[in-house]
Amino acid sequence: FKQKTAYEIRLSLVGSEMCIRDRRIEFANMRLNGNANFRYRLAGPDAASGLWQPISQPALHLPQPGAGQYRLEVQAPQPDGSWMGKTAVLVFEITPRYWQSWWFAALVGVGLLATVVAVWWLRERRILEASRVLEQAVADRTHDIEAQKEQIATLLEQAQQSNQLKSEFLANMSHEIRTPMNGVLGMTALALATELSGEQRDYLDTAHQSAESLLQVLNDILDFSKIEAGRLDVECVGFSVRQVVEDAARPFRFALQQKQLGFEIEVAEAVPAMLGGDPGRVRQILTNLIGNGVKFTQRGLIRVGVDLVESGEAGALLAFRVKDSGIGIAAESLPIVFEQFRQADGSTTRKFGGTGLGLAISRKLAELMGGTLSATSEVGVGSEFICALRFANTWPTAARGNSEIPGDVAALRILVAEDNEVSQRLVERLLTKRGHRVTKASNGRQAVARFAEGGIELVFMDVQMPEMNGLDAVRAIRQAESSTGRHVPIVMLTANAMEGDRERCLECGADGYLTKPVSDFQLAQAVAQFGLTRVNSKPDAAPVK
């Protein structure tokens, strides 16, 4: 029997005194003498106990019976109050709801497990997808970085090549300009030493000054290149401040006379007579400043003053002032005059000439020596440039070359190896004028052959020559001398004036190094220095610079 209620009951009737209605078990058939008092005993999963329980109703209500086997026993009372011996028994089974069944629990478990697996799978998929995206991003970034590295390496290589090309260009330009300049300056100097009319001397002086100006432009470009590369060094030697100022002004005497400009030098009495520093660089700065004053001043006065700002254990701080009465510089243009290849006005370059490097180099030289270079100016009134430099109170003891042209030394047989005919004639003339005998060679191979003939006491050797260059010629001569034990001094006379050229010349076995254009004084100094060392051992004298 199945009751279609909120739950299902399966009955096994032992007696017929009870019937089942909706969730009620009625005892109507067990009424006795109209008595409605009964007692029952229910055994099963939800039974509270196995004891008899009284009930006043002819029915037992089961609101929410649990699933399982039940046994219900019911007794009715007798008229005398005792209970009847006959017991009505109802055995029934309440089947579980579907959510209480094992298969539903298993299904729920499988569903939960599937849900967990699905969530885990989705999470893992998202992680894998995020990992893939991240890996792709890392790969793309790595590719970009590698591409950037390759681009940087390419740009660096191009910059190095460009720098190398620039160095080679400067070296070639230096060589190609210095070689003819050597002839121009040398020959005009020789001509000026002859008997000339006033007009001829004026022409030659002008040509000589122009050639020196061109040489100064070349030196400015080379110095700027060295400063850019950080290869420009300063020295510390004892020097006279007044002498340096006078030396810087000396090249402008002719221009000052031509323009009828006044010129004054005033060195304060408090300035020490001797200080330690780099006189060559100080002279270079003053030469640029005085040169600008002469260039931009049409009438009036140029004044060079030196003042002592302070003095102590750290040294003496001097202020070099170069003041002119020239065209002046506008206030807004003052900052740019110290920039490379810049002048206060573009028309200035066309009118007055110049490379725009002088002031830039001067400021960098001042900073290299721990100083400053500044300017004040007023248009139409003039300009004043102030260079503040600190010098040492003491300096290393070092032998300094005599500024006077050395006297005559014993006549020597000198080999001059030079492929440029003008330079060869110039050196030959300067040497023969002092009584020396000259043997000439036009290339390195001829130089080695002339030297092998014997009797050579001093050699002036060019570097860039056909067939065999000067460096290889020096090595060949030194190799030949190794078997005889002799050592003839060799002085390189070259237009190669770039950084490292001097070192390369000395490393190959040369004793001295001169750059073109060479003067009578430089040749005489080299002959005086090395002409006395024509002995079997290598001389200890410092190489000529």
Protein backbone atom coordinates (compact mmCIF):
# COMPACT_ATOMS: atom_id res chain seq x y z
CA PHE A 1 0.00 0.00 0.00
CA LYS A 2 1.37 3.47 -0.93
CA GLN A 3 0.05 6.72 0.43
CA LYS A 4 0.71 9.64 -1.97
CA THR A 5 1.37 12.30 0.59
CA ALA A 6 4.41 14.31 1.36
CA TYR A 7 6.15 11.01 1.95
CA GLU A 8 5.51 7.36 0.99
CA ILE A 9 4.41 4.70 3.51
CA ARG A 10 4.54 0.98 2.84
CA LEU A 11 2.26 -0.96 5.21
CA SER A 12 2.18 -4.50 6.42
CA LEU A 13 -1.14 -4.98 8.32
CA VAL A 14 -1.14 -7.41 11.18
CA GLY A 15 -4.67 -6.45 12.37
CA SER A 16 -7.52 -4.72 10.63
CA GLU A 17 -8.45 -2.37 13.44
CA MET A 18 -6.38 0.57 12.08
CA CYS A 19 -6.52 2.55 8.86
CA ILE A 20 -4.25 5.22 7.39
CA ARG A 21 -5.33 8.56 6.13
CA ASP A 22 -3.26 11.62 5.23
CA ARG A 23 -0.35 11.31 7.67
CA ARG A 24 -2.76 9.93 10.34
CA ILE A 25 -3.23 6.44 11.68
CA GLU A 26 -6.81 6.12 12.95
CA PHE A 27 -8.00 3.68 15.55
CA ALA A 28 -11.77 4.14 14.89
CA ASN A 29 -12.41 0.45 14.52
CA MET A 30 -10.87 -0.17 17.95
CA ARG A 31 -13.42 1.92 19.87
CA LEU A 32 -14.87 0.02 22.73
CA ASN A 33 -18.03 1.13 24.55
CA GLY A 34 -17.47 4.60 23.09
CA ASN A 35 -14.26 4.95 24.98
CA ALA A 36 -11.76 7.01 23.08
CA ASN A 37 -8.77 6.49 25.39
CA PHE A 38 -5.95 4.42 23.96
CA ARG A 39 -2.34 3.77 24.41
CA TYR A 40 0.29 3.10 21.79
CA ARG A 41 3.89 2.08 21.46
CA LEU A 42 5.92 3.08 18.36
CA ALA A 43 9.24 1.49 17.49
CA GLY A 44 11.34 2.91 14.65
CA PRO A 45 13.99 5.46 13.66
CA ASP A 46 11.98 8.44 14.97
CA ALA A 47 10.41 6.66 17.99
CA ALA A 48 11.23 8.43 21.20
CA SER A 49 11.20 5.20 23.24
CA GLY A 50 9.63 1.76 23.36
CA LEU A 51 7.24 2.70 26.23
CA TRP A 52 3.49 2.86 26.05
CA GLN A 53 2.13 6.34 25.49
CA PRO A 54 -1.46 7.39 26.25
CA ILE A 55 -3.49 9.14 23.66
CA SER A 56 -6.95 10.56 23.91
CA GLN A 57 -7.64 10.73 20.21
CA PRO A 58 -8.58 7.73 18.09
CA ALA A 59 -5.75 8.55 15.77
CA LEU A 60 -1.94 9.06 15.80
CA HIS A 61 -0.56 12.01 13.79
CA LEU A 62 2.85 11.60 12.17
CA PRO A 63 3.80 15.14 10.91
CA GLN A 64 7.36 14.50 9.64
CA PRO A 65 8.27 10.87 10.15
CA GLY A 66 11.78 9.85 9.23
CA ALA A 67 12.49 7.21 6.63
CA GLY A 68 12.77 3.64 7.91
CA GLN A 69 10.91 0.63 9.36
CA TYR A 70 8.25 1.30 12.07
CA ARG A 71 6.14 -0.94 14.32
CA LEU A 72 3.07 0.59 15.91
CA GLU A 73 1.17 -1.24 18.65
CA VAL A 74 -2.15 0.10 19.93
CA GLN A 75 -4.33 -1.12 22.83
CA ALA A 76 -7.80 -0.06 23.87
CA PRO A 77 -9.00 -0.04 27.50
CA GLN A 78 -11.64 -2.47 28.89
CA PRO A 79 -14.71 -1.33 30.80
CA ASP A 80 -13.04 -2.15 34.08
CA GLY A 81 -10.15 0.12 33.13
CA SER A 82 -7.71 -2.61 32.31
CA TRP A 83 -6.14 -2.88 28.94
CA MET A 84 -7.25 -5.41 26.47
CA GLY A 85 -4.92 -8.28 25.89
CA LYS A 86 -5.42 -8.03 22.17
CA THR A 87 -3.02 -5.57 20.56
CA ALA A 88 -3.43 -4.02 17.17
CA VAL A 89 -0.11 -4.02 15.33
CA LEU A 90 0.81 -1.93 12.30
CA VAL A 91 4.19 -2.51 10.61
CA PHE A 92 5.04 0.04 7.99
CA GLU A 93 8.02 1.50 6.16
CA ILE A 94 8.49 5.12 5.25
CA THR A 95 10.57 5.42 2.13
CA PRO A 96 13.13 8.32 2.06
CA ARG A 97 12.65 11.44 -0.06
CA TYR A 98 14.80 11.63 -3.18
CA TRP A 99 17.23 14.05 -1.57
CA GLN A 100 17.62 11.56 1.29
CA SER A 101 18.56 8.71 -1.01
CA TRP A 102 22.13 7.47 -1.54
CA TRP A 103 22.00 8.07 -5.23
CA PHE A 104 21.03 11.70 -4.68
CA ALA A 105 23.89 12.10 -2.22
CA ALA A 106 26.22 10.47 -4.75
CA LEU A 107 24.86 12.72 -7.48
CA VAL A 108 25.37 15.80 -5.30
CA GLY A 109 28.88 14.60 -4.49
CA VAL A 110 29.65 14.06 -8.14
CA GLY A 111 28.18 17.49 -8.92
CA LEU A 112 30.25 19.15 -6.21
CA LEU A 113 33.32 17.32 -7.41
CA ALA A 114 32.57 18.33 -11.00
CA THR A 115 32.06 21.92 -9.86
CA VAL A 116 35.37 21.91 -7.99
CA VAL A 117 37.10 20.36 -10.99
CA ALA A 118 35.47 22.89 -13.32
CA VAL A 119 36.48 25.81 -11.09
CA TRP A 120 40.02 24.41 -10.81
CA TRP A 121 40.15 23.87 -14.57
CA LEU A 122 38.91 27.39 -15.28
CA ARG A 123 41.39 28.79 -12.76
CA GLU A 124 44.23 26.80 -14.28
CA ARG A 125 43.16 27.87 -17.76
CA ARG A 126 43.12 31.50 -16.69
CA ILE A 127 46.53 31.08 -15.05
CA LEU A 128 47.88 29.40 -18.17
CA GLU A 129 46.39 32.10 -20.34
CA ALA A 130 47.82 34.82 -18.11
CA SER A 131 51.15 33.00 -18.13
CA ARG A 132 51.05 32.75 -21.91
CA VAL A 133 50.20 36.45 -22.20
CA LEU A 134 52.99 37.28 -19.74
CA GLU A 135 55.47 35.08 -21.58
CA GLN A 136 54.49 36.71 -24.86
CA ALA A 137 54.86 40.15 -23.29
CA VAL A 138 58.28 39.17 -21.89
CA ALA A 139 59.27 37.76 -25.27
CA ASP A 140 58.09 40.93 -27.03
CA ARG A 141 59.90 43.10 -24.49
CA THR A 142 63.05 40.97 -24.79
CA HIS A 143 62.84 41.28 -28.56
CA ASP A 144 62.43 45.05 -28.23
CA ILE A 145 65.38 45.25 -25.83
CA GLU A 146 67.54 43.15 -28.14
CA ALA A 147 66.50 45.34 -31.05
CA GLN A 148 67.32 48.44 -28.99
CA LYS A 149 70.68 46.93 -28.00
CA GLU A 150 71.43 46.18 -31.63
CA GLN A 151 70.36 49.70 -32.56
CA ILE A 152 72.51 51.19 -29.78
CA ALA A 153 75.44 49.00 -30.83
CA THR A 154 74.95 50.13 -34.42
CA LEU A 155 74.72 53.78 -33.39
CA LEU A 156 77.78 53.37 -31.15
CA GLU A 157 79.69 51.77 -33.98
CA GLN A 158 78.58 54.56 -36.32
CA ALA A 159 79.61 57.16 -33.72
CA GLN A 160 82.99 55.48 -33.31
CA GLN A 161 83.41 55.33 -37.06
CA SER A 162 82.35 58.96 -37.30
CA ASN A 163 84.79 59.90 -34.57
CA GLN A 164 87.51 57.91 -36.29
CA LEU A 165 86.71 59.59 -39.60
CA LYS A 166 86.77 62.96 -37.87
CA SER A 167 90.16 62.18 -36.33
CA GLU A 168 91.49 60.98 -39.67
CA PHE A 169 90.08 64.06 -41.39
CA LEU A 170 91.67 66.37 -38.81
CA ALA A 171 94.96 64.50 -39.08
CA ASN A 172 94.93 64.72 -42.87
CA MET A 173 93.88 68.36 -42.85
CA SER A 174 96.54 69.15 -40.27
CA HIS A 175 99.18 67.46 -42.41
CA GLU A 176 98.00 68.99 -45.67
CA ILE A 177 97.78 72.51 -44.22
CA ARG A 178 100.91 72.45 -42.06
CA THR A 179 103.17 71.28 -44.87
CA PRO A 180 102.54 74.28 -47.18
CA MET A 181 102.33 76.56 -44.15
CA ASN A 182 105.83 75.43 -43.27
CA GLY A 183 106.99 76.74 -46.66
CA VAL A 184 105.02 79.99 -46.43
CA LEU A 185 106.18 80.92 -42.94
CA GLY A 186 109.70 79.66 -43.45
CA MET A 187 110.30 81.34 -46.78
CA THR A 188 108.78 84.65 -45.69
CA ALA A 189 110.97 84.54 -42.57
CA LEU A 190 114.03 83.94 -44.78
CA ALA A 191 112.97 86.76 -47.09
CA LEU A 192 112.49 89.12 -44.14
CA ALA A 193 116.06 88.38 -43.08
CA THR A 194 117.39 89.80 -46.38
CA GLU A 195 117.86 93.36 -47.57
CA LEU A 196 114.40 94.71 -48.46
CA SER A 197 112.80 98.02 -49.29
CA GLY A 198 110.20 99.40 -46.93
CA GLU A 199 107.35 98.43 -49.26
CA GLN A 200 108.68 94.89 -49.74
CA ARG A 201 109.09 94.40 -46.00
CA ASP A 202 105.55 95.63 -45.45
CA TYR A 203 104.19 93.12 -47.97
CA LEU A 204 106.18 90.23 -46.48
CA ASP A 205 105.22 91.17 -42.92
CA THR A 206 101.56 91.14 -43.94
CA ALA A 207 101.95 87.74 -45.61
CA HIS A 208 103.77 86.37 -42.59
CA GLN A 209 101.11 87.64 -40.16
CA SER A 210 98.34 86.20 -42.36
CA ALA A 211 100.04 82.83 -42.43
CA GLU A 212 100.39 82.88 -38.63
CA SER A 213 96.68 83.73 -38.32
CA LEU A 214 95.82 80.78 -40.52
CA LEU A 215 98.06 78.57 -38.39
CA GLN A 216 96.28 79.82 -35.26
CA VAL A 217 92.91 78.80 -36.74
CA LEU A 218 94.30 75.33 -37.39
CA ASN A 219 95.70 75.10 -33.86
CA ASP A 220 92.32 76.19 -32.42
CA ILE A 221 90.54 73.40 -34.28
CA LEU A 222 93.07 70.81 -33.11
CA ASP A 223 92.94 72.08 -29.52
CA PHE A 224 89.14 71.96 -29.55
CA SER A 225 89.27 68.38 -30.80
CA LYS A 226 91.64 67.46 -27.97
CA ILE A 227 89.47 69.20 -25.38
CA GLU A 228 86.37 67.36 -26.64
CA ALA A 229 88.22 64.05 -26.32
CA GLY A 230 89.48 64.95 -22.83
CA ARG A 231 93.08 64.53 -23.96
CA LEU A 232 94.39 68.03 -23.32
CA ASP A 233 96.75 68.14 -20.35
CA VAL A 234 98.13 71.05 -18.34
CA GLU A 235 101.52 71.25 -16.70
CA CYS A 236 102.92 73.02 -13.67
CA VAL A 237 106.24 74.79 -14.13
CA GLY A 238 107.67 78.03 -12.86
CA PHE A 239 107.11 81.05 -15.10
CA SER A 240 107.07 84.84 -15.10
CA VAL A 241 103.58 86.29 -15.32
CA ARG A 242 104.77 89.52 -16.94
CA GLN A 243 106.81 87.59 -19.51
CA VAL A 244 103.80 85.48 -20.48
CA VAL A 245 101.63 88.58 -20.94
CA GLU A 246 104.27 90.25 -23.08
CA ASP A 247 104.74 87.09 -25.16
CA ALA A 248 100.98 86.90 -25.76
CA ALA A 249 100.87 90.51 -26.95
CA ARG A 250 103.98 90.37 -29.15
CA PRO A 251 102.30 88.84 -32.29
CA PHE A 252 99.83 91.76 -32.43
CA ARG A 253 102.34 94.60 -32.59
CA PHE A 254 102.06 94.86 -36.35
CA ALA A 255 98.21 94.83 -36.34
CA LEU A 256 98.16 97.44 -33.55
CA GLN A 257 100.44 99.71 -35.57
CA GLN A 258 98.36 99.26 -38.73
CA LYS A 259 95.11 100.15 -36.92
CA GLN A 260 96.83 102.85 -34.84
CA LEU A 261 95.47 101.42 -31.61
CA GLY A 262 96.85 102.16 -28.17
CA PHE A 263 98.03 99.20 -26.11
CA GLU A 264 98.88 99.00 -22.42
CA ILE A 265 100.08 96.24 -20.09
CA GLU A 266 99.72 96.78 -16.35
CA VAL A 267 100.78 94.08 -13.89
CA ALA A 268 100.04 94.99 -10.27
CA GLU A 269 103.05 95.19 -7.95
CA ALA A 270 101.45 92.65 -5.61
CA VAL A 271 101.56 89.95 -8.31
CA PRO A 272 104.45 87.56 -7.53
CA ALA A 273 107.31 87.63 -10.02
CA MET A 274 107.21 83.80 -10.44
CA LEU A 275 104.34 81.34 -10.04
CA GLY A 276 103.69 77.69 -10.86
CA GLY A 277 101.29 76.79 -13.68
CA ASP A 278 101.02 76.19 -17.40
CA PRO A 279 102.40 79.29 -19.15
CA GLY A 280 101.60 77.90 -22.61
CA ARG A 281 97.87 77.62 -21.84
CA VAL A 282 97.79 81.02 -20.12
CA ARG A 283 99.49 82.52 -23.16
CA GLN A 284 96.94 80.80 -25.42
CA ILE A 285 94.01 82.28 -23.47
CA LEU A 286 95.51 85.78 -23.48
CA THR A 287 96.36 85.50 -27.18
CA ASN A 288 92.72 84.71 -27.99
CA LEU A 289 91.42 87.57 -25.81
CA ILE A 290 93.92 90.13 -27.12
CA GLY A 291 93.32 88.95 -30.68
CA ASN A 292 89.56 89.50 -30.27
CA GLY A 293 90.22 92.95 -28.86
CA VAL A 294 92.41 93.88 -31.82
CA LYS A 295 89.93 92.39 -34.30
CA PHE A 296 86.83 94.19 -33.00
CA THR A 297 88.41 97.53 -32.09
CA GLN A 298 88.67 100.18 -34.81
CA ARG A 299 89.98 103.02 -32.68
CA GLY A 300 90.91 103.62 -29.09
CA LEU A 301 92.84 101.49 -26.60
CA ILE A 302 93.35 97.86 -25.61
CA ARG A 303 94.47 97.32 -22.05
CA VAL A 304 95.75 94.12 -20.44
CA GLY A 305 95.84 94.12 -16.63
CA VAL A 306 96.83 91.51 -14.07
CA ASP A 307 95.66 91.84 -10.44
CA LEU A 308 96.24 89.72 -7.34
CA VAL A 309 92.83 88.72 -5.96
CA GLU A 310 94.04 86.63 -3.03
CA SER A 311 97.15 84.81 -1.87
CA GLY A 312 97.65 82.01 0.63
CA GLU A 313 98.90 78.49 1.14
CA ALA A 314 96.59 77.29 -1.66
CA GLY A 315 98.41 79.59 -4.08
CA ALA A 316 97.78 82.94 -5.71
CA LEU A 317 94.52 83.80 -7.46
CA LEU A 318 95.12 86.20 -10.34
CA ALA A 319 92.61 88.08 -12.48
CA PHE A 320 93.68 88.72 -16.08
CA ARG A 321 91.64 91.55 -17.59
CA VAL A 322 91.57 92.36 -21.30
CA LYS A 323 89.59 95.53 -21.99
CA ASP A 324 88.96 97.09 -25.39
CA SER A 325 87.02 100.04 -26.80
CA GLY A 326 85.53 98.05 -29.66
CA ILE A 327 82.05 97.46 -31.02
CA GLY A 328 80.81 95.77 -27.81
CA ILE A 329 78.38 92.89 -27.33
CA ALA A 330 74.65 93.09 -26.61
CA ALA A 331 73.62 91.76 -23.18
CA GLU A 332 71.42 89.04 -24.69
CA SER A 333 74.32 87.86 -26.87
CA LEU A 334 76.93 87.56 -24.11
CA PRO A 335 76.05 83.95 -23.11
CA ILE A 336 76.49 82.61 -26.65
CA VAL A 337 79.92 84.10 -27.39
CA PHE A 338 81.47 81.30 -25.33
CA GLU A 339 79.71 78.62 -27.38
CA GLN A 340 81.60 76.79 -30.08
CA PHE A 341 81.26 78.09 -33.66
CA ARG A 342 79.11 80.97 -32.38
CA GLN A 343 79.61 84.72 -32.47
CA ALA A 344 77.44 87.48 -31.09
CA ASP A 345 76.15 88.30 -34.58
CA GLY A 346 76.21 86.12 -37.68
CA SER A 347 77.32 89.11 -39.72
CA THR A 348 80.36 89.40 -37.45
CA THR A 349 81.87 86.30 -39.02
CA ARG A 350 81.48 87.74 -42.51
CA LYS A 351 82.85 91.16 -41.51
CA PHE A 352 85.65 90.25 -39.10
CA GLY A 353 86.30 86.57 -39.84
CA GLY A 354 87.13 83.84 -37.34
CA THR A 355 85.91 80.35 -36.56
CA GLY A 356 83.96 81.13 -33.40
CA LEU A 357 86.19 78.72 -31.46
CA GLY A 358 88.59 81.11 -29.69
CA LEU A 359 86.42 82.03 -26.70
CA ALA A 360 85.00 78.51 -26.39
CA ILE A 361 88.53 77.08 -26.23
CA SER A 362 89.67 79.81 -23.83
CA ARG A 363 86.85 79.11 -21.38
CA LYS A 364 87.47 75.36 -21.53
CA LEU A 365 91.19 75.93 -20.95
CA ALA A 366 90.41 78.16 -17.98
CA GLU A 367 88.09 75.52 -16.53
CA LEU A 368 90.70 72.84 -17.18
CA MET A 369 93.09 74.85 -15.00
CA GLY A 370 90.43 75.30 -12.30
CA GLY A 371 89.57 78.87 -13.25
CA THR A 372 86.80 80.90 -14.86
CA LEU A 373 86.35 83.18 -17.86
CA SER A 374 83.59 85.80 -17.92
CA ALA A 375 82.79 88.98 -19.81
CA THR A 376 81.02 92.31 -19.47
CA SER A 377 80.21 94.51 -22.44
CA GLU A 378 78.25 97.48 -23.70
CA VAL A 379 77.40 98.03 -27.33
CA GLY A 380 79.39 100.88 -28.80
CA VAL A 381 81.56 101.24 -25.68
CA GLY A 382 83.63 98.08 -25.55
CA SER A 383 84.11 94.77 -23.76
CA GLU A 384 86.10 93.44 -20.84
CA PHE A 385 87.03 89.78 -20.45
CA ILE A 386 88.13 88.57 -17.02
CA CYS A 387 90.00 85.29 -16.61
CA ALA A 388 90.55 84.19 -12.99
CA LEU A 389 93.22 81.52 -12.53
CA ARG A 390 94.89 80.08 -9.45
CA PHE A 391 98.62 79.33 -9.54
CA ALA A 392 100.87 77.39 -7.20
CA ASN A 393 103.42 78.95 -4.90
CA THR A 394 105.79 76.06 -5.60
CA TRP A 395 106.44 73.90 -8.63
CA PRO A 396 108.58 70.94 -9.68
CA THR A 397 112.10 71.80 -10.69
CA ALA A 398 112.45 71.23 -14.42
CA ALA A 399 114.93 72.33 -16.98
CA ARG A 400 113.42 74.90 -19.33
CA GLY A 401 114.66 75.63 -22.81
CA ASN A 402 116.43 78.88 -23.35
CA SER A 403 114.25 81.43 -25.12
CA GLU A 404 117.28 82.78 -26.98
CA ILE A 405 118.37 81.23 -30.25
CA PRO A 406 121.31 78.93 -29.47
CA GLY A 407 124.72 80.03 -30.65
CA ASP A 408 126.61 78.29 -33.41
CA VAL A 409 127.66 74.68 -32.85
CA ALA A 410 130.25 72.73 -34.77
CA ALA A 411 129.26 72.05 -38.36
CA LEU A 412 127.41 68.76 -38.67
CA ARG A 413 126.50 66.51 -41.55
CA ILE A 414 122.72 66.36 -41.34
CA LEU A 415 120.34 64.09 -43.28
CA VAL A 416 117.01 65.74 -44.16
CA ALA A 417 114.34 63.24 -45.28
CA GLU A 418 111.40 65.21 -46.69
CA ASP A 419 109.18 64.54 -49.70
CA ASN A 420 107.83 68.08 -50.00
CA GLU A 421 110.28 70.10 -52.09
CA VAL A 422 109.46 73.45 -50.48
CA SER A 423 109.86 72.12 -46.95
CA GLN A 424 113.06 70.36 -47.99
CA ARG A 425 114.52 73.56 -49.42
CA LEU A 426 113.48 75.54 -46.34
CA VAL A 427 115.13 73.17 -43.85
CA GLU A 428 118.21 72.91 -46.04
CA ARG A 429 118.51 76.70 -46.22
CA LEU A 430 118.05 77.21 -42.47
CA LEU A 431 120.71 74.58 -41.71
CA THR A 432 123.26 75.59 -44.34
CA LYS A 433 122.91 79.19 -43.16
CA ARG A 434 124.40 78.00 -39.88
CA GLY A 435 127.26 76.16 -41.60
CA HIS A 436 125.88 72.60 -41.57
CA ARG A 437 126.21 70.19 -44.50
CA VAL A 438 122.90 68.74 -45.65
CA THR A 439 122.21 65.42 -47.37
CA LYS A 440 118.68 65.20 -48.80
CA ALA A 441 116.31 62.25 -49.27
CA SER A 442 112.82 62.35 -50.80
CA ASN A 443 111.41 59.18 -49.21
CA GLY A 444 112.11 56.73 -46.45
CA ARG A 445 113.91 54.22 -48.65
CA GLN A 446 116.35 56.88 -49.87
CA ALA A 447 116.85 58.04 -46.28
CA VAL A 448 117.89 54.54 -45.17
CA ALA A 449 120.25 54.27 -48.17
CA ARG A 450 121.82 57.71 -47.52
CA PHE A 451 122.30 56.84 -43.87
CA ALA A 452 123.97 53.55 -44.79
CA GLU A 453 126.58 55.46 -46.75
CA GLY A 454 127.92 56.70 -43.40
CA GLY A 455 129.03 60.02 -42.00
CA ILE A 456 125.55 61.20 -40.90
CA GLU A 457 125.60 62.90 -37.47
CA LEU A 458 121.98 64.04 -37.15
CA VAL A 459 118.73 63.18 -38.98
CA PHE A 460 115.56 65.23 -39.52
CA MET A 461 112.88 62.76 -40.68
CA ASP A 462 109.40 63.44 -42.07
CA VAL A 463 106.68 60.85 -41.30
CA GLN A 464 104.45 60.71 -44.37
CA MET A 465 106.65 59.90 -47.34
CA PRO A 466 106.23 57.63 -50.42
CA GLU A 467 107.70 54.12 -50.76
CA MET A 468 108.65 53.93 -47.07
CA ASN A 469 107.27 56.20 -44.35
CA GLY A 470 109.42 57.88 -41.75
CA LEU A 471 108.51 55.54 -38.90
CA ASP A 472 109.59 52.47 -40.86
CA ALA A 473 112.75 54.29 -41.95
CA VAL A 474 113.64 55.01 -38.31
CA ARG A 475 113.10 51.36 -37.39
CA ALA A 476 115.32 50.29 -40.30
CA ILE A 477 118.08 52.68 -39.21
CA ARG A 478 117.88 51.51 -35.60
CA GLN A 479 118.01 47.91 -36.78
CA ALA A 480 121.16 48.66 -38.79
CA GLU A 481 122.71 50.40 -35.77
CA SER A 482 122.10 47.41 -33.52
CA SER A 483 125.02 45.60 -35.14
CA THR A 484 127.41 48.58 -34.85
CA GLY A 485 126.55 49.93 -31.42
CA ARG A 486 126.20 53.50 -32.77
CA HIS A 487 123.25 55.76 -32.11
CA VAL A 488 122.70 58.77 -34.36
CA PRO A 489 120.04 61.21 -33.06
CA ILE A 490 116.87 61.31 -35.17
CA VAL A 491 114.37 64.16 -34.84
CA MET A 492 110.97 63.69 -36.45
CA LEU A 493 109.98 66.77 -38.46
CA THR A 494 106.35 66.22 -39.38
CA ALA A 495 103.00 67.84 -40.01
CA ASN A 496 101.30 65.11 -37.92
CA ALA A 497 100.27 67.03 -34.82
CA MET A 498 97.35 64.94 -33.52
CA GLU A 499 97.12 63.28 -30.12
CA GLY A 500 99.42 60.27 -29.95
CA ASP A 501 101.58 61.22 -32.96
CA ARG A 502 104.50 62.28 -30.76
CA GLU A 503 104.32 59.06 -28.74
CA ARG A 504 104.29 56.92 -31.89
CA CYS A 505 107.36 58.73 -33.20
CA LEU A 506 109.31 58.25 -29.99
CA GLU A 507 108.25 54.61 -29.65
CA CYS A 508 109.71 53.74 -33.06
CA GLY A 509 113.16 54.95 -31.95
CA ALA A 510 113.22 58.70 -32.61
CA ASP A 511 114.88 61.03 -30.12
CA GLY A 512 112.93 64.23 -30.77
CA TYR A 513 109.70 65.50 -32.30
CA LEU A 514 109.02 68.79 -34.11
CA THR A 515 105.78 69.82 -35.80
CA LYS A 516 105.51 71.92 -38.92
CA PRO A 517 105.68 74.77 -39.52
CA VAL A 518 109.15 74.79 -37.99
CA SER A 519 111.04 77.96 -37.21
CA ASP A 520 114.74 78.82 -37.34
CA PHE A 521 114.76 78.86 -33.55
CA GLN A 522 113.30 75.35 -33.26
CA LEU A 523 115.81 73.89 -35.72
CA ALA A 524 118.70 75.64 -34.02
CA GLN A 525 117.53 74.41 -30.62
CA ALA A 526 117.24 70.82 -31.89
CA VAL A 527 120.72 70.95 -33.47
CA ALA A 528 122.18 72.38 -30.27
CA GLN A 529 120.49 69.70 -28.16
CA PHE A 530 121.15 66.63 -30.28
CA GLY A 531 124.23 67.73 -32.19
CA LEU A 532 126.30 67.28 -29.04
CA THR A 533 125.05 63.72 -28.46
CA ARG A 534 126.49 62.03 -31.54
CA VAL A 535 128.16 59.34 -29.46
CA ASN A 536 127.76 55.63 -29.26
CA SER A 537 125.15 55.62 -26.53
CA LYS A 538 121.63 56.95 -26.71
CA PRO A 539 121.38 60.52 -25.34
CA ASP A 540 119.59 61.22 -22.06
CA ALA A 541 118.36 64.63 -23.20
CA ALA A 542 114.61 65.15 -23.19
CA PRO A 543 113.00 65.00 -26.64
CA VAL A 544 112.26 68.29 -28.33
CA LYS A 545 108.54 69.04 -28.29
